[in-house]
Amino acid sequence: MANYLWIFWAILGAVLVVAEVFTTGFVLLWFGIGALAAGLAGLLGVHSIILQFLIFAAVSIGLTAASRTIFVNYFSREKSGGDLKSGVESLPGKIGTVVSSSRGSMHEGAVKVFGSTWTAYPAEGEEPLEAGDRVEVTRVQGASIYVRRIGIAPDWRGKELGS
């Protein structure tokens, strides 16, 4: 039976590589390649199940660690050399539109930034928010953003907004 164990590894490897297409984690590919490596070792004469499993584990873990290092070093940096920001971290500096005027003692309003509506507060020293104002996100605190008004900017046709 041990002589044909390579078939199990080859099938497992193929299933894991195909399963990677349907996931977003980018981990199953490395385990699939590890299974294929164990299958190749079995085909080439390594008949010990324990040794085949160790090859599978070493290749899978090694590739996972190596890919993590590659992704962190090469894909998580902007061209300017700073950290790549995504999600909430990317909001400061982004422009949004006030969709709900300030209300209450804290001048809570709502601002739409990139299609998402956020609970927003005027930054320190700013007047209460008015619907339609263009604002820039200055900081994020929890699930709320703090914004300041920006000057009237020209739209894409070169005309001032609001005219």
N, C-alpha and C. Protein backbone atom coordinates (compact mmCIF):
# COMPACT_ATOMS: atom_id res chain seq x y z
N MET A 1 0.82 -1.21 0.00
CA MET A 1 0.00 0.00 0.00
C MET A 1 0.86 1.27 0.00
N ALA A 2 1.97 1.22 0.72
CA ALA A 2 2.83 2.39 0.82
C ALA A 2 3.41 2.78 -0.53
N ASN A 3 3.50 1.80 -1.45
CA ASN A 3 4.02 2.10 -2.78
C ASN A 3 3.07 2.98 -3.59
N TYR A 4 1.81 2.97 -3.23
CA TYR A 4 0.82 3.74 -3.97
C TYR A 4 0.32 4.97 -3.21
N LEU A 5 0.96 5.27 -2.11
CA LEU A 5 0.56 6.44 -1.31
C LEU A 5 0.77 7.73 -2.08
N TRP A 6 1.67 7.72 -3.04
CA TRP A 6 1.93 8.92 -3.84
C TRP A 6 0.67 9.36 -4.60
N ILE A 7 -0.20 8.41 -4.93
CA ILE A 7 -1.45 8.74 -5.62
C ILE A 7 -2.33 9.59 -4.71
N PHE A 8 -2.40 9.22 -3.43
CA PHE A 8 -3.17 10.01 -2.46
C PHE A 8 -2.63 11.44 -2.39
N TRP A 9 -1.30 11.57 -2.29
CA TRP A 9 -0.70 12.90 -2.21
C TRP A 9 -0.97 13.71 -3.47
N ALA A 10 -0.90 13.06 -4.63
CA ALA A 10 -1.14 13.77 -5.89
C ALA A 10 -2.59 14.25 -5.97
N ILE A 11 -3.52 13.40 -5.56
CA ILE A 11 -4.94 13.80 -5.58
C ILE A 11 -5.18 14.92 -4.58
N LEU A 12 -4.63 14.78 -3.37
CA LEU A 12 -4.79 15.82 -2.35
C LEU A 12 -4.20 17.14 -2.83
N GLY A 13 -3.03 17.07 -3.45
CA GLY A 13 -2.39 18.28 -3.97
C GLY A 13 -3.24 18.95 -5.04
N ALA A 14 -3.77 18.16 -5.97
CA ALA A 14 -4.62 18.72 -7.03
C ALA A 14 -5.88 19.34 -6.45
N VAL A 15 -6.49 18.68 -5.49
CA VAL A 15 -7.71 19.21 -4.86
C VAL A 15 -7.42 20.54 -4.16
N LEU A 16 -6.31 20.61 -3.44
CA LEU A 16 -5.97 21.84 -2.72
C LEU A 16 -5.63 22.98 -3.68
N VAL A 17 -4.93 22.69 -4.76
CA VAL A 17 -4.60 23.73 -5.73
C VAL A 17 -5.87 24.25 -6.39
N VAL A 18 -6.79 23.36 -6.75
CA VAL A 18 -8.06 23.78 -7.35
C VAL A 18 -8.91 24.53 -6.32
N ALA A 19 -8.90 24.08 -5.07
CA ALA A 19 -9.69 24.76 -4.03
C ALA A 19 -9.20 26.18 -3.80
N GLU A 20 -7.91 26.43 -4.04
CA GLU A 20 -7.36 27.78 -3.86
C GLU A 20 -8.06 28.78 -4.76
N VAL A 21 -8.52 28.34 -5.91
CA VAL A 21 -9.21 29.23 -6.85
C VAL A 21 -10.47 29.81 -6.21
N PHE A 22 -11.09 29.05 -5.32
CA PHE A 22 -12.36 29.46 -4.72
C PHE A 22 -12.21 30.13 -3.36
N THR A 23 -10.99 30.36 -2.91
CA THR A 23 -10.77 31.02 -1.61
C THR A 23 -9.97 32.29 -1.81
N THR A 24 -9.92 33.11 -0.78
CA THR A 24 -9.18 34.36 -0.87
C THR A 24 -7.93 34.38 0.01
N GLY A 25 -7.68 33.31 0.75
CA GLY A 25 -6.59 33.31 1.71
C GLY A 25 -5.21 33.12 1.14
N PHE A 26 -5.08 32.53 -0.04
CA PHE A 26 -3.80 32.26 -0.70
C PHE A 26 -2.92 31.41 0.20
N VAL A 27 -3.49 30.36 0.80
CA VAL A 27 -2.75 29.44 1.64
C VAL A 27 -2.86 28.02 1.09
N LEU A 28 -4.03 27.64 0.60
CA LEU A 28 -4.23 26.28 0.12
C LEU A 28 -3.27 25.93 -1.01
N LEU A 29 -2.88 26.90 -1.80
CA LEU A 29 -1.94 26.64 -2.89
C LEU A 29 -0.65 26.05 -2.35
N TRP A 30 -0.13 26.62 -1.28
CA TRP A 30 1.14 26.14 -0.74
C TRP A 30 1.00 24.75 -0.16
N PHE A 31 -0.13 24.43 0.46
CA PHE A 31 -0.34 23.09 0.98
C PHE A 31 -0.55 22.10 -0.17
N GLY A 32 -1.16 22.56 -1.25
CA GLY A 32 -1.30 21.72 -2.43
C GLY A 32 0.05 21.39 -3.03
N ILE A 33 0.93 22.39 -3.11
CA ILE A 33 2.27 22.15 -3.63
C ILE A 33 3.05 21.23 -2.69
N GLY A 34 2.84 21.38 -1.39
CA GLY A 34 3.48 20.47 -0.42
C GLY A 34 3.01 19.04 -0.60
N ALA A 35 1.71 18.86 -0.84
CA ALA A 35 1.18 17.51 -1.08
C ALA A 35 1.75 16.94 -2.38
N LEU A 36 1.86 17.78 -3.41
CA LEU A 36 2.45 17.30 -4.66
C LEU A 36 3.92 16.93 -4.47
N ALA A 37 4.64 17.67 -3.65
CA ALA A 37 6.05 17.34 -3.36
C ALA A 37 6.14 16.00 -2.62
N ALA A 38 5.24 15.76 -1.67
CA ALA A 38 5.23 14.48 -0.96
C ALA A 38 4.88 13.35 -1.93
N GLY A 39 3.95 13.61 -2.84
CA GLY A 39 3.60 12.61 -3.84
C GLY A 39 4.77 12.30 -4.75
N LEU A 40 5.51 13.31 -5.16
CA LEU A 40 6.68 13.11 -6.01
C LEU A 40 7.74 12.29 -5.27
N ALA A 41 7.92 12.60 -3.97
CA ALA A 41 8.87 11.83 -3.18
C ALA A 41 8.45 10.37 -3.10
N GLY A 42 7.15 10.13 -2.91
CA GLY A 42 6.65 8.75 -2.88
C GLY A 42 6.84 8.05 -4.20
N LEU A 43 6.63 8.75 -5.30
CA LEU A 43 6.82 8.19 -6.62
C LEU A 43 8.29 7.85 -6.89
N LEU A 44 9.18 8.67 -6.34
CA LEU A 44 10.62 8.47 -6.56
C LEU A 44 11.24 7.46 -5.59
N GLY A 45 10.43 6.86 -4.72
CA GLY A 45 10.96 5.79 -3.88
C GLY A 45 10.96 6.03 -2.39
N VAL A 46 10.50 7.16 -1.92
CA VAL A 46 10.40 7.39 -0.48
C VAL A 46 9.09 6.76 -0.02
N HIS A 47 9.18 5.56 0.59
CA HIS A 47 7.96 4.81 0.92
C HIS A 47 7.53 4.96 2.37
N SER A 48 8.28 5.70 3.17
CA SER A 48 7.92 5.93 4.56
C SER A 48 6.83 7.00 4.62
N ILE A 49 5.71 6.64 5.24
CA ILE A 49 4.59 7.58 5.38
C ILE A 49 5.02 8.78 6.21
N ILE A 50 5.80 8.51 7.25
CA ILE A 50 6.25 9.60 8.13
C ILE A 50 7.16 10.56 7.36
N LEU A 51 8.05 10.05 6.56
CA LEU A 51 8.95 10.89 5.78
C LEU A 51 8.18 11.70 4.73
N GLN A 52 7.18 11.06 4.09
CA GLN A 52 6.34 11.79 3.12
C GLN A 52 5.58 12.92 3.81
N PHE A 53 5.06 12.64 5.01
CA PHE A 53 4.34 13.69 5.74
C PHE A 53 5.28 14.82 6.13
N LEU A 54 6.51 14.49 6.54
CA LEU A 54 7.47 15.53 6.90
C LEU A 54 7.83 16.39 5.69
N ILE A 55 7.94 15.78 4.51
CA ILE A 55 8.18 16.55 3.29
C ILE A 55 7.00 17.47 3.02
N PHE A 56 5.79 16.93 3.14
CA PHE A 56 4.57 17.73 2.95
C PHE A 56 4.58 18.93 3.90
N ALA A 57 4.83 18.68 5.19
CA ALA A 57 4.79 19.75 6.19
C ALA A 57 5.89 20.78 5.95
N ALA A 58 7.10 20.31 5.66
CA ALA A 58 8.23 21.24 5.47
C ALA A 58 8.01 22.13 4.25
N VAL A 59 7.59 21.55 3.13
CA VAL A 59 7.37 22.34 1.92
C VAL A 59 6.22 23.32 2.12
N SER A 60 5.13 22.84 2.71
CA SER A 60 3.95 23.71 2.92
C SER A 60 4.26 24.88 3.84
N ILE A 61 4.87 24.60 4.96
CA ILE A 61 5.18 25.65 5.93
C ILE A 61 6.24 26.60 5.37
N GLY A 62 7.24 26.03 4.70
CA GLY A 62 8.29 26.87 4.11
C GLY A 62 7.74 27.82 3.06
N LEU A 63 6.89 27.32 2.17
CA LEU A 63 6.31 28.19 1.14
C LEU A 63 5.37 29.23 1.75
N THR A 64 4.60 28.84 2.77
CA THR A 64 3.71 29.80 3.42
C THR A 64 4.51 30.92 4.07
N ALA A 65 5.57 30.56 4.78
CA ALA A 65 6.41 31.58 5.43
C ALA A 65 7.10 32.46 4.39
N ALA A 66 7.61 31.85 3.33
CA ALA A 66 8.30 32.62 2.29
C ALA A 66 7.34 33.57 1.59
N SER A 67 6.14 33.11 1.29
CA SER A 67 5.19 33.99 0.60
C SER A 67 4.75 35.13 1.49
N ARG A 68 4.61 34.87 2.75
CA ARG A 68 4.25 35.94 3.70
C ARG A 68 5.33 37.02 3.69
N THR A 69 6.58 36.60 3.72
CA THR A 69 7.70 37.55 3.70
C THR A 69 7.71 38.34 2.39
N ILE A 70 7.49 37.64 1.28
CA ILE A 70 7.48 38.31 -0.01
C ILE A 70 6.34 39.32 -0.08
N PHE A 71 5.15 38.92 0.35
CA PHE A 71 4.00 39.82 0.29
C PHE A 71 4.20 41.04 1.18
N VAL A 72 4.73 40.84 2.37
CA VAL A 72 4.94 41.97 3.27
C VAL A 72 5.99 42.92 2.70
N ASN A 73 7.08 42.37 2.19
CA ASN A 73 8.17 43.21 1.70
C ASN A 73 7.87 43.92 0.40
N TYR A 74 7.18 43.28 -0.52
CA TYR A 74 7.03 43.84 -1.85
C TYR A 74 5.66 44.40 -2.17
N PHE A 75 4.63 43.90 -1.53
CA PHE A 75 3.29 44.34 -1.90
C PHE A 75 2.63 45.24 -0.87
N SER A 76 3.22 45.42 0.29
CA SER A 76 2.58 46.25 1.31
C SER A 76 3.23 47.61 1.43
N ARG A 77 4.03 48.01 0.47
CA ARG A 77 4.66 49.33 0.48
C ARG A 77 4.19 50.13 -0.71
N GLU A 78 3.93 51.40 -0.48
CA GLU A 78 3.60 52.29 -1.58
C GLU A 78 4.88 52.63 -2.33
N LYS A 79 4.76 53.19 -3.50
CA LYS A 79 5.93 53.57 -4.29
C LYS A 79 6.80 54.57 -3.56
N SER A 80 6.17 55.39 -2.69
CA SER A 80 6.94 56.40 -1.96
C SER A 80 7.72 55.80 -0.80
N GLY A 81 7.51 54.51 -0.51
CA GLY A 81 8.26 53.87 0.56
C GLY A 81 7.51 53.79 1.86
N GLY A 82 6.34 54.42 1.97
CA GLY A 82 5.58 54.36 3.20
C GLY A 82 4.75 53.09 3.25
N ASP A 83 4.07 52.89 4.37
CA ASP A 83 3.20 51.73 4.49
C ASP A 83 1.97 51.90 3.62
N LEU A 84 1.54 50.81 3.02
CA LEU A 84 0.31 50.80 2.25
C LEU A 84 -0.85 50.82 3.22
N LYS A 85 -1.74 51.76 3.06
CA LYS A 85 -2.86 51.88 3.97
C LYS A 85 -4.12 51.42 3.26
N SER A 86 -4.94 50.67 3.97
CA SER A 86 -6.20 50.22 3.40
C SER A 86 -7.27 50.29 4.47
N GLY A 87 -8.51 50.21 4.03
CA GLY A 87 -9.62 50.26 4.98
C GLY A 87 -9.68 51.59 5.71
N VAL A 88 -9.94 51.51 6.98
CA VAL A 88 -10.10 52.71 7.81
C VAL A 88 -8.81 53.53 7.86
N GLU A 89 -7.65 52.86 7.80
CA GLU A 89 -6.38 53.58 7.86
C GLU A 89 -6.18 54.52 6.69
N SER A 90 -6.87 54.26 5.57
CA SER A 90 -6.69 55.10 4.38
C SER A 90 -7.60 56.32 4.37
N LEU A 91 -8.50 56.45 5.34
CA LEU A 91 -9.46 57.55 5.33
C LEU A 91 -8.88 58.94 5.56
N PRO A 92 -7.95 59.13 6.50
CA PRO A 92 -7.43 60.50 6.69
C PRO A 92 -6.87 61.07 5.39
N GLY A 93 -7.33 62.29 5.06
CA GLY A 93 -6.92 62.95 3.83
C GLY A 93 -7.90 62.76 2.69
N LYS A 94 -8.86 61.85 2.83
CA LYS A 94 -9.84 61.61 1.78
C LYS A 94 -10.93 62.66 1.85
N ILE A 95 -11.54 62.93 0.69
CA ILE A 95 -12.59 63.95 0.58
C ILE A 95 -13.95 63.26 0.60
N GLY A 96 -14.89 63.87 1.30
CA GLY A 96 -16.24 63.34 1.36
C GLY A 96 -17.26 64.46 1.28
N THR A 97 -18.52 64.08 1.31
CA THR A 97 -19.63 65.03 1.25
C THR A 97 -20.54 64.81 2.45
N VAL A 98 -20.91 65.91 3.10
CA VAL A 98 -21.83 65.84 4.23
C VAL A 98 -23.21 65.49 3.70
N VAL A 99 -23.79 64.40 4.19
CA VAL A 99 -25.13 63.99 3.76
C VAL A 99 -26.18 64.26 4.81
N SER A 100 -25.75 64.52 6.05
CA SER A 100 -26.69 64.84 7.12
C SER A 100 -26.05 65.94 7.98
N SER A 101 -26.75 67.07 8.12
CA SER A 101 -26.22 68.21 8.87
C SER A 101 -26.00 67.85 10.34
N SER A 102 -25.14 68.65 11.00
CA SER A 102 -24.84 68.44 12.41
C SER A 102 -26.09 68.60 13.25
N ARG A 103 -26.12 67.82 14.33
CA ARG A 103 -27.20 67.93 15.30
C ARG A 103 -26.65 67.53 16.67
N GLY A 104 -27.32 67.93 17.69
CA GLY A 104 -26.92 67.59 19.04
C GLY A 104 -25.77 68.44 19.54
N SER A 105 -25.41 68.21 20.79
CA SER A 105 -24.37 69.02 21.42
C SER A 105 -22.97 68.73 20.86
N MET A 106 -22.77 67.57 20.27
CA MET A 106 -21.46 67.24 19.72
C MET A 106 -21.40 67.52 18.22
N HIS A 107 -22.49 68.07 17.67
CA HIS A 107 -22.56 68.40 16.25
C HIS A 107 -22.33 67.18 15.36
N GLU A 108 -22.97 66.07 15.74
CA GLU A 108 -22.85 64.83 14.99
C GLU A 108 -23.58 64.94 13.66
N GLY A 109 -22.93 64.51 12.60
CA GLY A 109 -23.53 64.49 11.28
C GLY A 109 -23.16 63.21 10.57
N ALA A 110 -23.41 63.16 9.27
CA ALA A 110 -23.04 61.99 8.48
C ALA A 110 -22.31 62.45 7.24
N VAL A 111 -21.23 61.77 6.91
CA VAL A 111 -20.42 62.10 5.75
C VAL A 111 -20.24 60.85 4.91
N LYS A 112 -20.39 61.02 3.60
CA LYS A 112 -20.19 59.92 2.68
C LYS A 112 -18.80 60.03 2.07
N VAL A 113 -17.99 58.98 2.26
CA VAL A 113 -16.63 58.91 1.72
C VAL A 113 -16.52 57.58 0.98
N PHE A 114 -16.21 57.66 -0.33
CA PHE A 114 -16.06 56.46 -1.16
C PHE A 114 -17.26 55.51 -1.04
N GLY A 115 -18.46 56.05 -1.02
CA GLY A 115 -19.65 55.22 -1.02
C GLY A 115 -20.10 54.74 0.35
N SER A 116 -19.31 54.96 1.39
CA SER A 116 -19.68 54.55 2.74
C SER A 116 -20.05 55.79 3.55
N THR A 117 -21.11 55.68 4.33
CA THR A 117 -21.54 56.79 5.17
C THR A 117 -21.01 56.57 6.58
N TRP A 118 -20.36 57.60 7.10
CA TRP A 118 -19.72 57.56 8.42
C TRP A 118 -20.35 58.58 9.34
N THR A 119 -20.43 58.24 10.62
CA THR A 119 -20.78 59.23 11.64
C THR A 119 -19.60 60.19 11.71
N ALA A 120 -19.90 61.49 11.60
CA ALA A 120 -18.82 62.47 11.51
C ALA A 120 -19.04 63.61 12.48
N TYR A 121 -17.93 64.16 12.92
CA TYR A 121 -17.93 65.31 13.80
C TYR A 121 -17.01 66.36 13.20
N PRO A 122 -17.33 67.64 13.38
CA PRO A 122 -16.39 68.66 12.88
C PRO A 122 -15.11 68.63 13.71
N ALA A 123 -13.98 68.83 13.04
CA ALA A 123 -12.70 68.88 13.75
C ALA A 123 -12.71 70.08 14.68
N GLU A 124 -11.79 70.09 15.61
CA GLU A 124 -11.71 71.16 16.60
C GLU A 124 -11.59 72.51 15.90
N GLY A 125 -12.44 73.46 16.29
CA GLY A 125 -12.42 74.79 15.72
C GLY A 125 -13.30 74.95 14.48
N GLU A 126 -13.90 73.88 14.00
CA GLU A 126 -14.76 73.94 12.81
C GLU A 126 -16.20 74.22 13.21
N GLU A 127 -16.92 74.84 12.29
CA GLU A 127 -18.35 75.10 12.48
C GLU A 127 -19.13 73.80 12.29
N PRO A 128 -20.39 73.74 12.77
CA PRO A 128 -21.21 72.54 12.55
C PRO A 128 -21.33 72.22 11.06
N LEU A 129 -21.50 70.96 10.76
CA LEU A 129 -21.57 70.49 9.38
C LEU A 129 -22.92 70.81 8.75
N GLU A 130 -22.90 71.16 7.48
CA GLU A 130 -24.12 71.43 6.71
C GLU A 130 -24.18 70.46 5.54
N ALA A 131 -25.36 69.91 5.29
CA ALA A 131 -25.53 68.97 4.18
C ALA A 131 -25.03 69.59 2.89
N GLY A 132 -24.26 68.83 2.13
CA GLY A 132 -23.71 69.30 0.86
C GLY A 132 -22.29 69.83 0.96
N ASP A 133 -21.81 70.12 2.17
CA ASP A 133 -20.43 70.61 2.33
C ASP A 133 -19.44 69.54 1.88
N ARG A 134 -18.35 69.99 1.27
CA ARG A 134 -17.24 69.10 0.95
C ARG A 134 -16.26 69.17 2.11
N VAL A 135 -15.85 68.01 2.60
CA VAL A 135 -14.99 67.95 3.78
C VAL A 135 -13.85 66.98 3.55
N GLU A 136 -12.80 67.18 4.33
CA GLU A 136 -11.65 66.28 4.31
C GLU A 136 -11.58 65.57 5.66
N VAL A 137 -11.34 64.28 5.63
CA VAL A 137 -11.22 63.51 6.87
C VAL A 137 -9.86 63.84 7.50
N THR A 138 -9.90 64.28 8.76
CA THR A 138 -8.65 64.60 9.45
C THR A 138 -8.18 63.45 10.32
N ARG A 139 -9.12 62.71 10.91
CA ARG A 139 -8.74 61.55 11.73
C ARG A 139 -9.92 60.62 11.90
N VAL A 140 -9.61 59.40 12.29
CA VAL A 140 -10.62 58.38 12.56
C VAL A 140 -10.49 58.01 14.02
N GLN A 141 -11.62 57.95 14.70
CA GLN A 141 -11.61 57.53 16.10
C GLN A 141 -12.74 56.54 16.27
N GLY A 142 -12.40 55.28 16.47
CA GLY A 142 -13.42 54.24 16.57
C GLY A 142 -14.14 54.11 15.23
N ALA A 143 -15.47 54.22 15.29
CA ALA A 143 -16.28 54.12 14.07
C ALA A 143 -16.73 55.50 13.59
N SER A 144 -16.07 56.55 14.08
CA SER A 144 -16.43 57.92 13.69
C SER A 144 -15.24 58.60 13.04
N ILE A 145 -15.57 59.61 12.23
CA ILE A 145 -14.51 60.39 11.60
C ILE A 145 -14.64 61.85 12.00
N TYR A 146 -13.52 62.54 12.00
CA TYR A 146 -13.49 63.98 12.26
C TYR A 146 -13.08 64.64 10.96
N VAL A 147 -13.81 65.70 10.60
CA VAL A 147 -13.62 66.31 9.29
C VAL A 147 -13.47 67.82 9.40
N ARG A 148 -12.87 68.40 8.36
CA ARG A 148 -12.80 69.86 8.25
C ARG A 148 -13.26 70.22 6.84
N ARG A 149 -13.84 71.41 6.74
CA ARG A 149 -14.30 71.88 5.43
C ARG A 149 -13.12 72.16 4.52
N ILE A 150 -13.34 71.96 3.24
CA ILE A 150 -12.33 72.32 2.26
C ILE A 150 -12.91 73.40 1.37
N GLY A 151 -12.05 74.15 0.72
CA GLY A 151 -12.51 75.21 -0.17
C GLY A 151 -13.27 74.64 -1.35
N ILE A 152 -13.99 75.48 -2.04
CA ILE A 152 -14.74 75.04 -3.20
C ILE A 152 -13.73 74.69 -4.29
N ALA A 153 -13.77 73.45 -4.73
CA ALA A 153 -12.83 72.98 -5.74
C ALA A 153 -13.53 72.90 -7.08
N PRO A 154 -12.79 73.07 -8.15
CA PRO A 154 -13.42 72.92 -9.46
C PRO A 154 -13.78 71.46 -9.70
N ASP A 155 -14.89 71.26 -10.43
CA ASP A 155 -15.23 69.89 -10.78
C ASP A 155 -14.40 69.46 -11.98
N TRP A 156 -14.67 68.32 -12.51
CA TRP A 156 -13.84 67.77 -13.59
C TRP A 156 -13.89 68.60 -14.89
N ARG A 157 -14.88 69.48 -15.03
CA ARG A 157 -14.96 70.32 -16.23
C ARG A 157 -14.25 71.65 -16.04
N GLY A 158 -13.68 71.88 -14.84
CA GLY A 158 -12.98 73.13 -14.59
C GLY A 158 -13.89 74.21 -14.04
N LYS A 159 -15.17 73.90 -13.79
CA LYS A 159 -16.10 74.88 -13.23
C LYS A 159 -16.13 74.72 -11.74
N GLU A 160 -16.40 75.82 -11.04
CA GLU A 160 -16.51 75.72 -9.59
C GLU A 160 -17.81 75.04 -9.24
N LEU A 161 -17.75 74.20 -8.18
CA LEU A 161 -18.95 73.54 -7.71
C LEU A 161 -19.86 74.59 -7.08
N GLY A 162 -21.13 74.40 -7.23
CA GLY A 162 -22.09 75.31 -6.62
C GLY A 162 -22.43 76.50 -7.50
N SER A 163 -21.84 76.62 -8.68
CA SER A 163 -22.16 77.77 -9.54
C SER A 163 -22.94 77.32 -10.75
